[in-house]
């Protein structure tokens, strides 16, 4: 037995063990069943063949043991493509294909990008094609120009299908961000993984490349350097969850009379407990965001996490909006995020996710406040890491 064969068997055992730890479905599962079987957030799922362990097929060909979940759905209906001409499933035959559903203000998506970029580069010459399908969560993400700016900001060079009308999303029956579909060289989907479990995704990529004859793909996993909002979360101390500000999905708001829908209202700060929030000043709360009508308003949130992010945008006129952040009533100092300085000052210049806090010491519950020095700011959702 060759040293290479021993390595392949060891890698297969590790990969299949990792996949078996995820929720599994039988080999006859369809994409429709998969779409309702996955988990969201930082979890992930994939199919694992019932009774089909990985191994060497007769003649020495590599066999992953992954199920066949149906043909890769078409990528038709994109508003536009970035970094590439439109791609079809016919053009992709003979390639292992990773389809990544993402959206640019989603922190879970952002934290996977260092890995997706690394895979696109590392396995390109071995037959992997990475395609990002950008499907919007918020209305501002429907704008192809905004998506193009985000692609440039995140230094993405692989093809992006801008799916502003959710046509590709619907064809895949997708239901979360991020979700990874991995298809083999024959155009068959072999795994669907949901969330930030990037190790399992890369293991599937390696297995399917090996099935296609590229045994040299099996090896150490990529370890990209990730900083700022792209860094992995501190899961051991993550005590706060995604919180929407628009009334359609808002929860845990503290304030007299609650949120007033679609009308200007002068809010008085409440006293938020852990994972509760409050508005101060003159705001109009819409379905997906709260819009500040006059300078001086703010948001207070009691949270427990290393990182605090807030999706923010300027007003309709696009003018920058200055803000100042405090933590427990003081300037953040060493606990400031990427988008603020030690004094807590920052500027909203585009609609995107802003990292406002990164606790540098012991993670503990803190009271965050952001006060806007100019009118027009729109606030969409808090996320944590």
Foldseek 3Di string as FASTA:
>chain_A
DDPLQVLVVVLLVVLVVVQVVADEDELAAELLVVQVPFDAAAFKHKYAHDVQRWDADPPRATGNRFHFHFFDFWPPDFPAKPLDHDDTLVNLAQAKEKEKEAAFQDLQQLLQLLQLQVCCVPCVVLGYAYEYEYEDPDLVRLDVVVVVVSCVVSVPNGMYRDNDVCPSVVRSVHDYPTKIFIAANRRTTRIIMYTNPSVNVLSVVQSRSSNSVPSVSDDDGDDGDDDASNHDFPVVWFDEFKAWQAPQGHDQEDFPPPADAQDWDATDFDDGDERHKYKHGIWHHYRFKIFFDFAWIKMKHWYWGQWKKWFKAFAPVQDKWKKFKDKQPAQQQVFAGPQADSRRIHIHRGGHMDTGTGHPDDTDIIMMMMGIRGGGMITGMMGHD
